[in-house]
Amino acid sequence: MMGRAASTVGRDCARVANIAGQPDPAWTVLLIGGASGTGKTRLSYPLARQLGVPIVEVDDIVEALMVMTTADQQPALHHWATHPEAARLPPEGILEIHLAVTESLGPALAAVVANHLETDTPVIIEGDYLTPAFAARERFREASADGRVGAVFLHEPDEMQLVANLSGREPDGEQRARARVSSLYGEWLAAEAARHGVPMIEARPWSNLQQRVLGVVGRGA
C-alpha cells in the first residue's frame, strides 16, 4: 500500500515537473538501448528533463545485483570478476559474454518495468544490456505491456566514431578493442531490432537526436 501511494505521488510530481506544457508521454516505460559509445546517456538525460520523467540506468541495477548475489548464484553476472583473463578474449568472445549477462538480467529488468506499468509511473530506462527481444515482450512478469512500453535503439555504424566517442568519455584507455566489440554488438542489435520490429535509429546527427527519437516513440498520446 505504501509503495502504491508513493508511486502515485511520484507520478503526479513527474507530471507537474513536465517542462513548458509538454504532454504526458505516450508510453509509461521508455527503453533506450544501444551498444556502448552510441550516445545513450547523452540522449536519455536531456530527454528525461524535457519530459519531466525520472531515469534508471541499467548499470546501477547491475551494481546492486552484484552486491546482493554471489558468483555461484549468478555466474554470468559475476563473470568479469571471477575470470579477469576474459578481457584478453577476441571481440567475438567478449560479445558472447556480454550477451550472457544480458540474458541473466532479464528477470530483474522485467521486475523494474512491471513495477512502473503496475503503478503507472513513467520512467526512462537506458543501458547496454537492453535488447530488442526484451523490448518486444507482451508481458513483464504479471503486467501486460498493452502498448505502454516504448523503445528505441541507437546505432553508430562508423567504428572509428565509436573509438572517438569512447575516448572522449575515458581518455586514458585504449578504446579500439572496445569499439570493435561495440560495433559487433551494434550489428547484432540491428539484426534483432529488424527481427522484432523494434525501432533503431542512427545516433548522428546528435543535434536533432532528441527530436528524431520523439518522432519515433511519440511525445504524447
Protein backbone atom coordinates (compact mmCIF):
# COMPACT_ATOMS: atom_id res chain seq x y z
CA MET A 1 0.00 0.00 0.00
CA MET A 2 2.78 2.41 0.90
CA GLY A 3 4.57 1.62 -2.37
CA ARG A 4 1.49 2.39 -4.46
CA ALA A 5 0.84 5.63 -2.56
CA ALA A 6 4.45 6.71 -3.09
CA SER A 7 4.18 5.82 -6.78
CA THR A 8 1.06 7.97 -7.12
CA VAL A 9 2.91 10.92 -5.60
CA GLY A 10 5.89 10.27 -7.89
CA ARG A 11 3.65 10.14 -10.96
CA ASP A 12 1.91 13.37 -10.03
CA CYS A 13 5.23 15.12 -9.34
CA ALA A 14 6.58 13.96 -12.69
CA ARG A 15 3.60 15.49 -14.44
CA VAL A 16 3.90 18.74 -12.51
CA ALA A 17 7.62 18.87 -13.41
CA ASN A 18 6.91 18.41 -17.10
CA ILE A 19 8.56 21.37 -18.79
CA ALA A 20 6.81 24.04 -20.83
CA GLY A 21 3.48 22.25 -21.08
CA GLN A 22 4.87 19.07 -22.63
CA PRO A 23 2.09 16.44 -22.80
CA ASP A 24 2.39 13.23 -20.81
CA PRO A 25 4.40 10.64 -22.75
CA ALA A 26 2.57 8.14 -24.94
CA TRP A 27 4.42 5.38 -23.10
CA THR A 28 4.79 4.56 -19.42
CA VAL A 29 8.23 2.97 -19.82
CA LEU A 30 10.72 4.06 -22.48
CA LEU A 31 13.67 1.75 -23.10
CA ILE A 32 16.76 3.32 -24.70
CA GLY A 33 19.29 0.74 -25.82
CA GLY A 34 22.36 0.54 -27.98
CA ALA A 35 25.98 -0.51 -27.83
CA SER A 36 28.47 1.28 -25.62
CA GLY A 37 29.60 4.59 -27.10
CA THR A 38 26.49 5.26 -29.20
CA GLY A 39 25.26 8.16 -27.06
CA LYS A 40 22.53 6.65 -24.89
CA THR A 41 23.39 8.77 -21.84
CA ARG A 42 23.89 11.84 -23.98
CA LEU A 43 20.32 11.33 -25.19
CA SER A 44 18.49 9.98 -22.17
CA TYR A 45 19.24 12.62 -19.53
CA PRO A 46 18.22 15.68 -21.60
CA LEU A 47 15.18 13.74 -22.83
CA ALA A 48 14.17 12.87 -19.27
CA ARG A 49 14.50 16.52 -18.27
CA GLN A 50 12.47 17.63 -21.27
CA LEU A 51 9.64 15.20 -20.49
CA GLY A 52 9.84 15.56 -16.72
CA VAL A 53 10.29 11.84 -16.02
CA PRO A 54 12.93 10.00 -13.97
CA ILE A 55 15.66 7.85 -15.42
CA VAL A 56 17.05 4.44 -14.43
CA GLU A 57 20.47 3.29 -15.62
CA VAL A 58 20.76 -0.46 -16.11
CA ASP A 59 24.37 -0.25 -14.90
CA ASP A 60 23.07 0.77 -11.46
CA ILE A 61 20.83 -2.30 -11.37
CA VAL A 62 23.84 -4.44 -12.27
CA GLU A 63 25.89 -2.96 -9.42
CA ALA A 64 23.10 -3.63 -6.92
CA LEU A 65 22.64 -7.22 -8.11
CA MET A 66 26.36 -7.92 -7.88
CA VAL A 67 26.37 -6.83 -4.24
CA MET A 68 23.27 -8.92 -3.46
CA THR A 69 24.34 -12.13 -5.24
CA THR A 70 27.31 -14.46 -5.42
CA ALA A 71 29.16 -15.92 -8.38
CA ASP A 72 27.52 -19.28 -7.65
CA GLN A 73 24.07 -17.70 -7.81
CA GLN A 74 24.68 -15.51 -10.86
CA PRO A 75 27.79 -16.80 -12.70
CA ALA A 76 27.22 -14.74 -15.86
CA LEU A 77 26.74 -11.53 -13.90
CA HIS A 78 29.98 -12.07 -11.95
CA HIS A 79 31.96 -13.44 -14.90
CA TRP A 80 34.29 -10.46 -15.33
CA ALA A 81 35.18 -10.50 -11.62
CA THR A 82 35.79 -14.25 -11.49
CA HIS A 83 37.50 -14.51 -14.90
CA PRO A 84 39.65 -11.37 -15.36
CA GLU A 85 41.57 -13.16 -18.12
CA ALA A 86 38.41 -12.94 -20.25
CA ALA A 87 39.37 -9.34 -21.05
CA ARG A 88 42.02 -10.80 -23.40
CA LEU A 89 39.46 -12.70 -25.47
CA PRO A 90 38.87 -11.65 -29.08
CA PRO A 91 35.94 -9.27 -29.64
CA GLU A 92 33.61 -12.11 -30.60
CA GLY A 93 34.31 -13.86 -27.29
CA ILE A 94 33.72 -10.70 -25.27
CA LEU A 95 30.44 -10.16 -27.09
CA GLU A 96 29.37 -13.69 -26.19
CA ILE A 97 29.93 -12.94 -22.50
CA HIS A 98 28.05 -9.66 -22.83
CA LEU A 99 25.05 -11.46 -24.31
CA ALA A 100 25.12 -13.99 -21.46
CA VAL A 101 25.00 -11.13 -18.93
CA THR A 102 22.13 -9.60 -20.89
CA GLU A 103 20.18 -12.84 -20.64
CA SER A 104 20.81 -13.15 -16.90
CA LEU A 105 19.50 -9.64 -16.25
CA GLY A 106 16.14 -10.32 -17.90
CA PRO A 107 14.15 -11.17 -14.75
CA ALA A 108 15.44 -8.15 -12.80
CA LEU A 109 14.80 -5.73 -15.63
CA ALA A 110 11.33 -7.20 -16.18
CA ALA A 111 10.54 -6.60 -12.50
CA VAL A 112 11.50 -2.93 -12.82
CA VAL A 113 9.39 -2.47 -15.95
CA ALA A 114 6.45 -4.32 -14.36
CA ASN A 115 6.57 -2.10 -11.28
CA HIS A 116 6.27 1.04 -13.41
CA LEU A 117 3.48 -0.45 -15.51
CA GLU A 118 1.52 -1.56 -12.45
CA THR A 119 1.85 1.83 -10.75
CA ASP A 120 1.51 3.87 -13.96
CA THR A 121 4.73 5.71 -13.13
CA PRO A 122 6.61 6.99 -16.23
CA VAL A 123 10.32 6.22 -16.44
CA ILE A 124 13.16 6.09 -18.96
CA ILE A 125 15.42 3.05 -18.64
CA GLU A 126 18.71 3.14 -20.54
CA GLY A 127 21.61 0.75 -20.89
CA ASP A 128 23.77 -1.57 -22.97
CA TYR A 129 22.03 -4.66 -21.64
CA LEU A 130 18.60 -3.89 -23.10
CA THR A 131 17.73 -5.91 -26.19
CA PRO A 132 15.04 -5.69 -28.86
CA ALA A 133 13.65 -9.06 -27.77
CA PHE A 134 13.19 -7.71 -24.25
CA ALA A 135 11.57 -4.52 -25.57
CA ALA A 136 9.15 -6.55 -27.70
CA ARG A 137 7.75 -8.58 -24.79
CA GLU A 138 3.99 -8.64 -24.42
CA ARG A 139 4.24 -9.14 -20.66
CA PHE A 140 6.70 -8.14 -17.95
CA ARG A 141 6.12 -10.51 -15.06
CA GLU A 142 2.37 -10.20 -14.42
CA ALA A 143 1.99 -6.82 -16.14
CA SER A 144 0.78 -6.62 -19.72
CA ALA A 145 2.65 -4.16 -21.92
CA ASP A 146 -0.52 -3.04 -23.75
CA GLY A 147 1.43 -0.57 -25.86
CA ARG A 148 2.80 1.20 -22.78
CA VAL A 149 6.44 0.16 -23.31
CA GLY A 150 8.21 2.24 -25.91
CA ALA A 151 11.71 1.51 -27.15
CA VAL A 152 14.38 2.89 -29.40
CA PHE A 153 17.90 1.62 -30.04
CA LEU A 154 20.76 3.84 -31.12
CA HIS A 155 23.18 2.72 -33.82
CA GLU A 156 26.59 4.10 -34.75
CA PRO A 157 27.76 2.35 -37.95
CA ASP A 158 31.18 4.04 -38.01
CA GLU A 159 33.64 2.11 -35.84
CA MET A 160 36.12 4.97 -35.77
CA GLN A 161 33.38 7.26 -34.46
CA LEU A 162 32.85 4.74 -31.67
CA VAL A 163 36.58 4.97 -30.89
CA ALA A 164 36.28 8.77 -30.71
CA ASN A 165 33.15 8.60 -28.53
CA LEU A 166 34.68 6.14 -26.08
CA SER A 167 37.97 8.07 -25.99
CA GLY A 168 36.12 11.26 -25.18
CA ARG A 169 34.45 9.55 -22.24
CA GLU A 170 37.54 7.68 -21.00
CA PRO A 171 40.61 9.40 -22.49
CA ASP A 172 43.18 7.37 -20.55
CA GLY A 173 42.38 3.98 -22.11
CA GLU A 174 42.91 2.31 -25.47
CA GLN A 175 39.45 2.16 -26.97
CA ARG A 176 39.93 0.43 -30.32
CA ALA A 177 39.22 -3.05 -28.92
CA ARG A 178 36.16 -1.81 -27.02
CA ALA A 179 34.93 -0.04 -30.13
CA ARG A 180 35.23 -3.27 -32.09
CA VAL A 181 33.08 -5.09 -29.54
CA SER A 182 30.56 -2.23 -29.63
CA SER A 183 30.48 -2.38 -33.41
CA LEU A 184 29.79 -6.13 -33.37
CA TYR A 185 27.13 -5.68 -30.72
CA GLY A 186 25.55 -2.86 -32.74
CA GLU A 187 25.32 -5.16 -35.76
CA TRP A 188 23.70 -7.84 -33.59
CA LEU A 189 21.23 -5.31 -32.17
CA ALA A 190 20.36 -4.07 -35.65
CA ALA A 191 19.52 -7.58 -36.81
CA GLU A 192 17.48 -8.23 -33.66
CA ALA A 193 15.65 -4.90 -33.97
CA ALA A 194 14.64 -5.76 -37.53
CA ARG A 195 13.55 -9.25 -36.45
CA HIS A 196 11.37 -7.99 -33.60
CA GLY A 197 10.09 -4.84 -35.29
CA VAL A 198 11.70 -2.51 -32.74
CA PRO A 199 12.89 0.91 -33.96
CA MET A 200 16.60 1.58 -34.32
CA ILE A 201 17.94 4.95 -35.46
CA GLU A 202 21.41 6.28 -36.22
CA ALA A 203 22.84 8.29 -33.36
CA ARG A 204 24.12 11.07 -35.58
CA PRO A 205 23.47 13.86 -36.18
CA TRP A 206 23.36 14.47 -32.44
CA SER A 207 21.95 17.96 -32.92
CA ASN A 208 18.47 16.61 -33.63
CA LEU A 209 18.65 13.23 -31.92
CA GLN A 210 16.03 14.08 -29.27
CA GLN A 211 13.58 15.27 -31.91
CA ARG A 212 14.14 12.15 -34.00
CA VAL A 213 13.63 9.88 -31.01
CA LEU A 214 10.40 11.66 -30.05
CA GLY A 215 9.26 11.27 -33.64
CA VAL A 216 9.74 7.51 -33.30
CA VAL A 217 8.41 6.81 -29.80
CA GLY A 218 5.86 9.62 -29.53
CA ARG A 219 5.80 12.73 -27.42
CA GLY A 220 2.30 12.28 -26.18
CA ALA A 221 -0.86 10.27 -26.55
